[in-house]
Amino acid sequence: MNPKEKEKYIEEFDFPYCDESSKYEKVAKIGQGTFGEVFKAKDKKTNKKFVAMKKVLMDNEKEGVSLLYIIIYLFALRLF
């Protein structure tokens, strides 16, 4: 899959259990790992609901981390 196809695939993929990231405001960076950065974020409307948001760094794909693996990882996080 070339980079344009990957980008299109990600944009069109339906994540049924994930809210739009625009619904939240980043409060603080709380960690960084192999796949990206993790932020504490709050709901913009209520200012009461807090979540952890992960920004996945796609540069890691060059090191052998596939897009499918990242999607499976994100779904697994949702289960806990």
N, C-alpha and C. Protein backbone atom coordinates (compact mmCIF):
# COMPACT_ATOMS: atom_id res chain seq x y z
N MET A 1 0.85 -1.17 0.00
CA MET A 1 0.00 0.00 0.00
C MET A 1 0.90 1.24 0.00
N ASN A 2 0.69 2.12 -0.97
CA ASN A 2 1.52 3.33 -1.02
C ASN A 2 1.00 4.36 -0.01
N PRO A 3 1.78 5.42 0.28
CA PRO A 3 1.38 6.39 1.30
C PRO A 3 0.01 7.05 1.06
N LYS A 4 -0.33 7.35 -0.17
CA LYS A 4 -1.64 7.96 -0.46
C LYS A 4 -2.77 6.98 -0.16
N GLU A 5 -2.58 5.71 -0.51
CA GLU A 5 -3.60 4.69 -0.24
C GLU A 5 -3.77 4.51 1.27
N LYS A 6 -2.67 4.52 2.01
CA LYS A 6 -2.73 4.39 3.47
C LYS A 6 -3.51 5.55 4.08
N GLU A 7 -3.21 6.75 3.63
CA GLU A 7 -3.88 7.95 4.14
C GLU A 7 -5.38 7.87 3.88
N LYS A 8 -5.75 7.47 2.68
CA LYS A 8 -7.16 7.34 2.32
C LYS A 8 -7.84 6.27 3.17
N TYR A 9 -7.15 5.15 3.37
CA TYR A 9 -7.69 4.06 4.17
C TYR A 9 -7.98 4.53 5.60
N ILE A 10 -7.04 5.25 6.19
CA ILE A 10 -7.21 5.74 7.56
C ILE A 10 -8.35 6.74 7.64
N GLU A 11 -8.43 7.65 6.69
CA GLU A 11 -9.49 8.66 6.69
C GLU A 11 -10.88 8.04 6.57
N GLU A 12 -10.98 6.95 5.83
CA GLU A 12 -12.29 6.33 5.58
C GLU A 12 -12.63 5.23 6.58
N PHE A 13 -11.65 4.82 7.42
CA PHE A 13 -11.90 3.74 8.36
C PHE A 13 -12.86 4.20 9.44
N ASP A 14 -13.83 3.36 9.78
CA ASP A 14 -14.81 3.69 10.80
C ASP A 14 -14.38 3.09 12.13
N PHE A 15 -14.12 3.95 13.11
CA PHE A 15 -13.78 3.51 14.46
C PHE A 15 -15.04 3.67 15.31
N PRO A 16 -15.86 2.60 15.42
CA PRO A 16 -17.18 2.73 16.06
C PRO A 16 -17.15 3.10 17.53
N TYR A 17 -16.07 2.85 18.24
CA TYR A 17 -16.03 3.13 19.68
C TYR A 17 -15.17 4.33 20.03
N CYS A 18 -14.75 5.07 19.03
CA CYS A 18 -13.87 6.21 19.28
C CYS A 18 -14.58 7.51 18.93
N ASP A 19 -14.52 8.47 19.84
CA ASP A 19 -15.05 9.81 19.56
C ASP A 19 -14.09 10.57 18.65
N GLU A 20 -14.60 11.60 18.02
CA GLU A 20 -13.74 12.48 17.23
C GLU A 20 -12.76 13.20 18.16
N SER A 21 -11.53 13.30 17.76
CA SER A 21 -10.53 13.95 18.61
C SER A 21 -10.84 15.44 18.81
N SER A 22 -11.57 16.03 17.86
CA SER A 22 -11.91 17.45 17.97
C SER A 22 -12.86 17.73 19.13
N LYS A 23 -13.47 16.68 19.68
CA LYS A 23 -14.39 16.81 20.82
C LYS A 23 -13.62 17.12 22.11
N TYR A 24 -12.31 16.88 22.10
CA TYR A 24 -11.49 17.01 23.30
C TYR A 24 -10.40 18.06 23.14
N GLU A 25 -9.98 18.60 24.28
CA GLU A 25 -8.89 19.57 24.33
C GLU A 25 -7.74 18.95 25.11
N LYS A 26 -6.55 18.95 24.52
CA LYS A 26 -5.38 18.39 25.21
C LYS A 26 -5.06 19.24 26.44
N VAL A 27 -4.81 18.57 27.56
CA VAL A 27 -4.48 19.24 28.81
C VAL A 27 -2.98 19.13 29.10
N ALA A 28 -2.45 17.91 28.93
CA ALA A 28 -1.04 17.69 29.23
C ALA A 28 -0.55 16.44 28.52
N LYS A 29 0.72 16.44 28.20
CA LYS A 29 1.35 15.24 27.66
C LYS A 29 1.70 14.35 28.86
N ILE A 30 1.23 13.10 28.83
CA ILE A 30 1.46 12.23 29.98
C ILE A 30 2.39 11.06 29.68
N GLY A 31 2.81 10.94 28.44
CA GLY A 31 3.74 9.86 28.12
C GLY A 31 4.12 9.81 26.67
N GLN A 32 5.15 9.02 26.40
CA GLN A 32 5.61 8.82 25.04
C GLN A 32 6.19 7.42 24.95
N GLY A 33 5.89 6.73 23.86
CA GLY A 33 6.39 5.38 23.70
C GLY A 33 6.74 5.08 22.27
N THR A 34 6.84 3.81 21.96
CA THR A 34 7.25 3.35 20.64
C THR A 34 6.30 3.83 19.55
N PHE A 35 5.00 3.78 19.83
CA PHE A 35 4.00 4.09 18.81
C PHE A 35 3.58 5.55 18.77
N GLY A 36 3.93 6.35 19.77
CA GLY A 36 3.52 7.75 19.74
C GLY A 36 3.48 8.39 21.11
N GLU A 37 2.70 9.47 21.18
CA GLU A 37 2.57 10.26 22.40
C GLU A 37 1.18 10.07 23.00
N VAL A 38 1.10 10.15 24.33
CA VAL A 38 -0.18 10.03 25.03
C VAL A 38 -0.46 11.34 25.75
N PHE A 39 -1.69 11.83 25.58
CA PHE A 39 -2.10 13.09 26.18
C PHE A 39 -3.30 12.90 27.08
N LYS A 40 -3.38 13.67 28.15
CA LYS A 40 -4.59 13.78 28.95
C LYS A 40 -5.41 14.86 28.26
N ALA A 41 -6.70 14.58 28.04
CA ALA A 41 -7.56 15.54 27.35
C ALA A 41 -8.92 15.60 28.04
N LYS A 42 -9.59 16.76 27.93
CA LYS A 42 -10.91 16.91 28.55
C LYS A 42 -11.95 17.23 27.49
N ASP A 43 -13.18 16.85 27.78
CA ASP A 43 -14.32 17.12 26.91
C ASP A 43 -14.52 18.63 26.84
N LYS A 44 -14.58 19.18 25.64
CA LYS A 44 -14.72 20.62 25.47
C LYS A 44 -16.06 21.15 25.97
N LYS A 45 -17.11 20.34 25.85
CA LYS A 45 -18.45 20.81 26.25
C LYS A 45 -18.65 20.79 27.75
N THR A 46 -18.29 19.69 28.40
CA THR A 46 -18.60 19.55 29.83
C THR A 46 -17.44 19.92 30.75
N ASN A 47 -16.22 19.84 30.24
CA ASN A 47 -15.01 20.05 31.05
C ASN A 47 -14.92 19.07 32.22
N LYS A 48 -15.73 18.00 32.19
CA LYS A 48 -15.73 17.03 33.28
C LYS A 48 -15.13 15.70 32.87
N LYS A 49 -15.39 15.26 31.66
CA LYS A 49 -14.90 13.96 31.20
C LYS A 49 -13.45 14.09 30.74
N PHE A 50 -12.59 13.25 31.32
CA PHE A 50 -11.19 13.22 30.92
C PHE A 50 -10.89 11.89 30.24
N VAL A 51 -10.05 11.93 29.24
CA VAL A 51 -9.66 10.74 28.49
C VAL A 51 -8.16 10.78 28.23
N ALA A 52 -7.62 9.63 27.85
CA ALA A 52 -6.24 9.57 27.36
C ALA A 52 -6.33 9.46 25.84
N MET A 53 -5.60 10.32 25.16
CA MET A 53 -5.57 10.30 23.69
C MET A 53 -4.16 9.94 23.25
N LYS A 54 -4.09 9.04 22.29
CA LYS A 54 -2.78 8.64 21.77
C LYS A 54 -2.62 9.18 20.35
N LYS A 55 -1.53 9.88 20.14
CA LYS A 55 -1.17 10.36 18.81
C LYS A 55 -0.16 9.36 18.25
N VAL A 56 -0.59 8.60 17.26
CA VAL A 56 0.26 7.55 16.68
C VAL A 56 1.21 8.17 15.68
N LEU A 57 2.48 7.86 15.83
CA LEU A 57 3.51 8.37 14.92
C LEU A 57 3.73 7.33 13.84
N MET A 58 3.38 7.66 12.62
CA MET A 58 3.46 6.71 11.51
C MET A 58 4.89 6.50 11.03
N ASP A 59 5.85 7.27 11.50
CA ASP A 59 7.25 7.06 11.11
C ASP A 59 7.72 5.68 11.54
N ASN A 60 7.11 5.12 12.58
CA ASN A 60 7.52 3.80 13.08
C ASN A 60 7.26 2.70 12.07
N GLU A 61 6.38 2.93 11.10
CA GLU A 61 6.08 1.89 10.12
C GLU A 61 7.33 1.49 9.35
N LYS A 62 8.25 2.43 9.17
CA LYS A 62 9.49 2.12 8.48
C LYS A 62 10.30 1.10 9.26
N GLU A 63 10.06 1.02 10.57
CA GLU A 63 10.81 0.10 11.42
C GLU A 63 10.09 -1.24 11.56
N GLY A 64 9.05 -1.48 10.75
CA GLY A 64 8.38 -2.77 10.76
C GLY A 64 7.04 -2.80 11.46
N VAL A 65 6.57 -1.68 11.98
CA VAL A 65 5.26 -1.64 12.63
C VAL A 65 4.22 -1.36 11.56
N SER A 66 3.34 -2.32 11.33
CA SER A 66 2.36 -2.16 10.26
C SER A 66 1.14 -1.39 10.74
N LEU A 67 0.43 -0.80 9.81
CA LEU A 67 -0.80 -0.08 10.09
C LEU A 67 -1.82 -1.01 10.73
N LEU A 68 -1.92 -2.22 10.26
CA LEU A 68 -2.86 -3.19 10.83
C LEU A 68 -2.53 -3.46 12.29
N TYR A 69 -1.26 -3.60 12.62
CA TYR A 69 -0.86 -3.84 14.01
C TYR A 69 -1.30 -2.68 14.90
N ILE A 70 -1.13 -1.46 14.43
CA ILE A 70 -1.52 -0.28 15.21
C ILE A 70 -3.03 -0.26 15.43
N ILE A 71 -3.80 -0.59 14.41
CA ILE A 71 -5.26 -0.62 14.55
C ILE A 71 -5.67 -1.69 15.55
N ILE A 72 -5.08 -2.86 15.49
CA ILE A 72 -5.38 -3.92 16.45
C ILE A 72 -5.01 -3.47 17.86
N TYR A 73 -3.90 -2.80 18.00
CA TYR A 73 -3.45 -2.28 19.29
C TYR A 73 -4.46 -1.29 19.86
N LEU A 74 -4.96 -0.39 19.02
CA LEU A 74 -5.93 0.61 19.48
C LEU A 74 -7.24 -0.05 19.88
N PHE A 75 -7.69 -1.05 19.14
CA PHE A 75 -8.92 -1.77 19.51
C PHE A 75 -8.72 -2.52 20.83
N ALA A 76 -7.54 -3.08 21.04
CA ALA A 76 -7.27 -3.80 22.28
C ALA A 76 -7.31 -2.84 23.46
N LEU A 77 -6.79 -1.64 23.30
CA LEU A 77 -6.85 -0.64 24.36
C LEU A 77 -8.28 -0.31 24.72
N ARG A 78 -9.14 -0.28 23.72
CA ARG A 78 -10.55 0.05 23.94
C ARG A 78 -11.23 -1.00 24.82
N LEU A 79 -10.78 -2.24 24.76
CA LEU A 79 -11.40 -3.31 25.54
C LEU A 79 -11.12 -3.18 27.04
N PHE A 80 -10.07 -2.46 27.41
CA PHE A 80 -9.72 -2.32 28.82
C PHE A 80 -10.14 -1.00 29.28
